[in-house]
Amino acid sequence: MKLVDLSVRDFLNIVDSKSPAPGGGSVSALISALGCTLGRMVAHLTFDKKKYKELPLEEQEKFKNSFEEMEKYRYLLEELIDKDTEAYNLVMAAYKLPKETEEEKEFRKDRIEENLKLAIETPLQICKISEKTLSLVKIILEYGNKNAITDLGVAAILLYSGIEGGVLNVKINLGGLSDEVFKKETLNTLENILKSSQLQKDEILNFVNNNL
């Protein structure tokens, strides 16, 4: 059974065990997926409101498109809950390969490098998708039901937490790579995502707090 198909309690129990996976990467994907669903919840609570229906059609379309795009990101993040654990297992399998001969050592080294890059791609995707979703939360915040404004604040916190968790999981896997060019490019990408997402998160939370 996939992790995403578990009950909430079963997922919590499997994390709360001596198994190293699912770990921080899968949990980060789940946290960001929850941020997506909270954003969509506020949109659901907005569509039937008089203020929304009085908006210009162009603004209604912008809101609706953000709502629909957020659903796409939610399902991508759901997939990453399992993909992160699968990537971790591939890395562990590579480290267990035999290393008695020079050929075995070289093969093992190549598989480790290859699988570490796979293990990096999953949390990196969590970061990228979560950053995009934060920009959509800002649109929902602009036009959405103000009675649910705090839910958008929580959505922003969750999405940013998913990003920070993703960053940590990328960095720990980067440490095992020998490809210095890949490492540098990835770290630059992470830095840009963190700067952009922190700014967006702060803008959302400032708006929420100023309107309570």
Protein backbone atom coordinates (compact mmCIF):
# COMPACT_ATOMS: atom_id res chain seq x y z
CA MET A 1 0.00 0.00 0.00
CA LYS A 2 1.21 3.50 -0.82
CA LEU A 3 1.92 5.91 2.01
CA VAL A 4 -0.60 8.35 0.60
CA ASP A 5 -3.32 5.72 0.96
CA LEU A 6 -2.72 5.18 4.67
CA SER A 7 -5.03 6.59 7.31
CA VAL A 8 -3.72 9.62 9.18
CA ARG A 9 -3.08 7.49 12.28
CA ASP A 10 -1.31 4.75 10.31
CA PHE A 11 0.92 7.32 8.63
CA LEU A 12 1.78 8.84 11.99
CA ASN A 13 2.54 5.41 13.41
CA ILE A 14 4.86 4.43 10.56
CA VAL A 15 6.80 7.70 10.97
CA ASP A 16 6.85 7.11 14.72
CA SER A 17 8.91 3.92 14.36
CA LYS A 18 12.50 2.75 14.01
CA SER A 19 12.17 2.69 10.22
CA PRO A 20 14.19 5.59 8.71
CA ALA A 21 11.67 5.97 5.88
CA PRO A 22 9.24 7.60 5.47
CA GLY A 23 11.13 10.47 7.02
CA GLY A 24 11.52 14.20 6.66
CA GLY A 25 11.18 14.26 2.89
CA SER A 26 7.87 12.43 2.76
CA VAL A 27 6.57 14.45 5.71
CA SER A 28 7.60 17.68 3.93
CA ALA A 29 5.63 16.64 0.85
CA LEU A 30 2.61 15.90 3.03
CA ILE A 31 2.87 19.25 4.82
CA SER A 32 2.93 21.12 1.52
CA ALA A 33 0.03 19.07 0.18
CA LEU A 34 -1.95 20.12 3.26
CA GLY A 35 -1.07 23.73 2.45
CA CYS A 36 -2.53 23.22 -1.02
CA THR A 37 -5.75 21.79 0.34
CA LEU A 38 -6.21 24.63 2.83
CA GLY A 39 -5.79 27.13 0.01
CA ARG A 40 -8.38 25.31 -2.06
CA MET A 41 -10.73 25.11 0.93
CA VAL A 42 -10.84 28.90 1.11
CA ALA A 43 -11.54 29.03 -2.61
CA HIS A 44 -14.40 26.54 -2.17
CA LEU A 45 -15.81 28.88 0.50
CA THR A 46 -15.55 31.85 -1.88
CA PHE A 47 -17.23 30.80 -5.13
CA ASP A 48 -20.82 31.25 -3.88
CA LYS A 49 -20.21 34.56 -2.16
CA LYS A 50 -21.85 37.72 -3.49
CA LYS A 51 -18.57 39.67 -3.41
CA TYR A 52 -16.91 37.05 -5.60
CA LYS A 53 -19.76 37.01 -8.11
CA GLU A 54 -19.53 40.79 -8.37
CA LEU A 55 -15.87 40.66 -9.35
CA PRO A 56 -14.99 41.38 -12.99
CA LEU A 57 -15.00 38.18 -15.05
CA GLU A 58 -11.27 38.52 -15.64
CA GLU A 59 -10.58 38.45 -11.90
CA GLN A 60 -12.97 35.55 -11.36
CA GLU A 61 -11.10 33.64 -14.06
CA LYS A 62 -7.75 34.41 -12.41
CA PHE A 63 -9.08 33.11 -9.10
CA LYS A 64 -10.57 29.98 -10.66
CA ASN A 65 -7.36 29.21 -12.58
CA SER A 66 -5.34 29.48 -9.37
CA PHE A 67 -7.78 27.14 -7.66
CA GLU A 68 -7.43 24.57 -10.44
CA GLU A 69 -3.65 24.85 -10.64
CA MET A 70 -3.43 24.32 -6.90
CA GLU A 71 -5.23 21.01 -7.32
CA LYS A 72 -2.60 19.90 -9.84
CA TYR A 73 0.15 20.76 -7.38
CA ARG A 74 -1.65 18.95 -4.58
CA TYR A 75 -1.61 15.67 -6.51
CA LEU A 76 2.02 16.12 -7.55
CA LEU A 77 2.94 16.57 -3.89
CA GLU A 78 0.93 13.47 -2.97
CA GLU A 79 3.03 11.48 -5.43
CA LEU A 80 6.21 12.87 -3.89
CA ILE A 81 5.23 11.50 -0.47
CA ASP A 82 5.94 8.01 -1.80
CA LYS A 83 8.66 8.97 -4.28
CA ASP A 84 10.86 10.39 -1.54
CA THR A 85 10.77 7.12 0.40
CA GLU A 86 11.40 5.13 -2.79
CA ALA A 87 14.43 7.29 -3.61
CA TYR A 88 15.81 6.84 -0.10
CA ASN A 89 15.51 3.07 -0.45
CA LEU A 90 17.43 3.17 -3.74
CA VAL A 91 20.29 5.08 -2.09
CA MET A 92 20.45 2.59 0.77
CA ALA A 93 20.46 -0.30 -1.70
CA ALA A 94 23.38 1.29 -3.58
CA TYR A 95 25.43 1.64 -0.40
CA LYS A 96 24.93 -2.08 0.28
CA LEU A 97 26.39 -3.14 -3.07
CA PRO A 98 29.59 -5.27 -2.89
CA LYS A 99 32.96 -3.48 -2.99
CA GLU A 100 35.52 -6.25 -3.02
CA THR A 101 37.00 -5.69 -6.49
CA GLU A 102 37.86 -2.47 -8.34
CA GLU A 103 35.03 -3.14 -10.78
CA GLU A 104 32.57 -3.55 -7.93
CA LYS A 105 33.82 -0.39 -6.25
CA GLU A 106 33.41 1.61 -9.46
CA PHE A 107 29.95 0.20 -10.11
CA ARG A 108 28.89 0.91 -6.52
CA LYS A 109 30.24 4.47 -6.71
CA ASP A 110 28.31 5.17 -9.93
CA ARG A 111 25.06 3.75 -8.50
CA ILE A 112 25.41 5.81 -5.32
CA GLU A 113 25.97 8.98 -7.34
CA GLU A 114 23.05 8.20 -9.64
CA ASN A 115 20.64 7.36 -6.83
CA LEU A 116 21.69 10.34 -4.71
CA LYS A 117 20.73 12.59 -7.60
CA LEU A 118 17.33 10.86 -7.71
CA ALA A 119 17.01 11.38 -3.95
CA ILE A 120 17.83 15.07 -4.45
CA GLU A 121 15.31 15.58 -7.24
CA THR A 122 12.32 14.59 -5.10
CA PRO A 123 12.74 17.15 -2.28
CA LEU A 124 13.84 19.72 -4.85
CA GLN A 125 10.50 19.23 -6.58
CA ILE A 126 8.75 19.67 -3.23
CA CYS A 127 10.50 23.05 -2.91
CA LYS A 128 9.68 24.17 -6.44
CA ILE A 129 6.02 23.14 -6.31
CA SER A 130 5.53 24.66 -2.86
CA GLU A 131 7.04 27.96 -4.01
CA LYS A 132 4.62 28.07 -6.96
CA THR A 133 1.71 27.24 -4.68
CA LEU A 134 2.58 30.14 -2.36
CA SER A 135 2.07 32.53 -5.27
CA LEU A 136 -1.36 30.98 -5.83
CA VAL A 137 -2.23 31.39 -2.14
CA LYS A 138 -1.57 35.12 -2.58
CA ILE A 139 -4.19 35.22 -5.34
CA ILE A 140 -6.71 33.30 -3.22
CA LEU A 141 -5.93 35.74 -0.40
CA GLU A 142 -6.61 38.75 -2.62
CA TYR A 143 -10.08 37.63 -3.71
CA GLY A 144 -11.01 34.94 -1.18
CA ASN A 145 -13.51 34.75 1.65
CA LYS A 146 -12.06 36.97 4.39
CA ASN A 147 -13.81 34.90 7.09
CA ALA A 148 -11.30 32.14 6.31
CA ILE A 149 -8.25 34.38 6.10
CA THR A 150 -6.39 32.58 8.89
CA ASP A 151 -6.60 29.31 6.95
CA LEU A 152 -4.56 30.95 4.21
CA GLY A 153 -2.04 32.03 6.83
CA VAL A 154 -1.74 28.42 7.96
CA ALA A 155 -1.45 27.33 4.31
CA ALA A 156 1.49 29.70 3.85
CA ILE A 157 3.18 28.40 7.01
CA LEU A 158 2.76 24.80 5.88
CA LEU A 159 4.04 25.44 2.37
CA TYR A 160 7.08 27.30 3.65
CA SER A 161 7.74 24.50 6.17
CA GLY A 162 7.56 22.01 3.30
CA ILE A 163 10.14 24.09 1.45
CA GLU A 164 12.48 24.26 4.45
CA GLY A 165 12.12 20.52 4.96
CA GLY A 166 12.81 19.91 1.28
CA VAL A 167 15.93 22.08 1.44
CA LEU A 168 17.33 20.07 4.34
CA ASN A 169 16.72 16.81 2.49
CA VAL A 170 18.42 18.11 -0.63
CA LYS A 171 21.44 19.29 1.32
CA ILE A 172 22.02 16.05 3.20
CA ASN A 173 22.10 14.14 -0.09
CA LEU A 174 24.32 16.71 -1.79
CA GLY A 175 26.99 15.93 0.79
CA GLY A 176 27.50 12.47 -0.67
CA LEU A 177 28.02 13.64 -4.27
CA SER A 178 31.31 14.16 -6.05
CA ASP A 179 29.76 16.24 -8.87
CA GLU A 180 30.76 19.73 -7.71
CA VAL A 181 29.07 21.54 -10.61
CA PHE A 182 25.74 19.85 -9.85
CA LYS A 183 26.14 20.66 -6.16
CA LYS A 184 26.80 24.35 -6.80
CA GLU A 185 23.88 24.70 -9.23
CA THR A 186 21.51 22.96 -6.84
CA LEU A 187 22.55 25.12 -3.87
CA ASN A 188 21.98 28.26 -5.96
CA THR A 189 18.52 27.00 -6.87
CA LEU A 190 17.72 26.35 -3.21
CA GLU A 191 18.88 29.82 -2.20
CA ASN A 192 16.64 31.45 -4.80
CA ILE A 193 13.64 29.37 -3.77
CA LEU A 194 14.13 30.18 -0.09
CA LYS A 195 14.42 33.92 -0.71
CA SER A 196 11.37 34.05 -2.94
CA SER A 197 9.21 31.82 -0.78
CA GLN A 198 10.11 33.57 2.47
CA LEU A 199 9.12 36.88 0.94
CA GLN A 200 5.79 35.48 -0.23
CA LYS A 201 5.11 33.78 3.08
CA ASP A 202 5.84 36.96 5.00
CA GLU A 203 3.58 39.01 2.71
CA ILE A 204 0.72 36.58 3.27
CA LEU A 205 1.16 36.46 7.04
CA ASN A 206 1.49 40.24 7.31
CA PHE A 207 -1.74 40.68 5.38
CA VAL A 208 -3.50 38.09 7.52
CA ASN A 209 -2.32 39.57 10.82
CA ASN A 210 -3.15 43.11 9.75
CA ASN A 211 -6.72 42.06 8.94
CA LEU A 212 -7.54 40.17 12.13
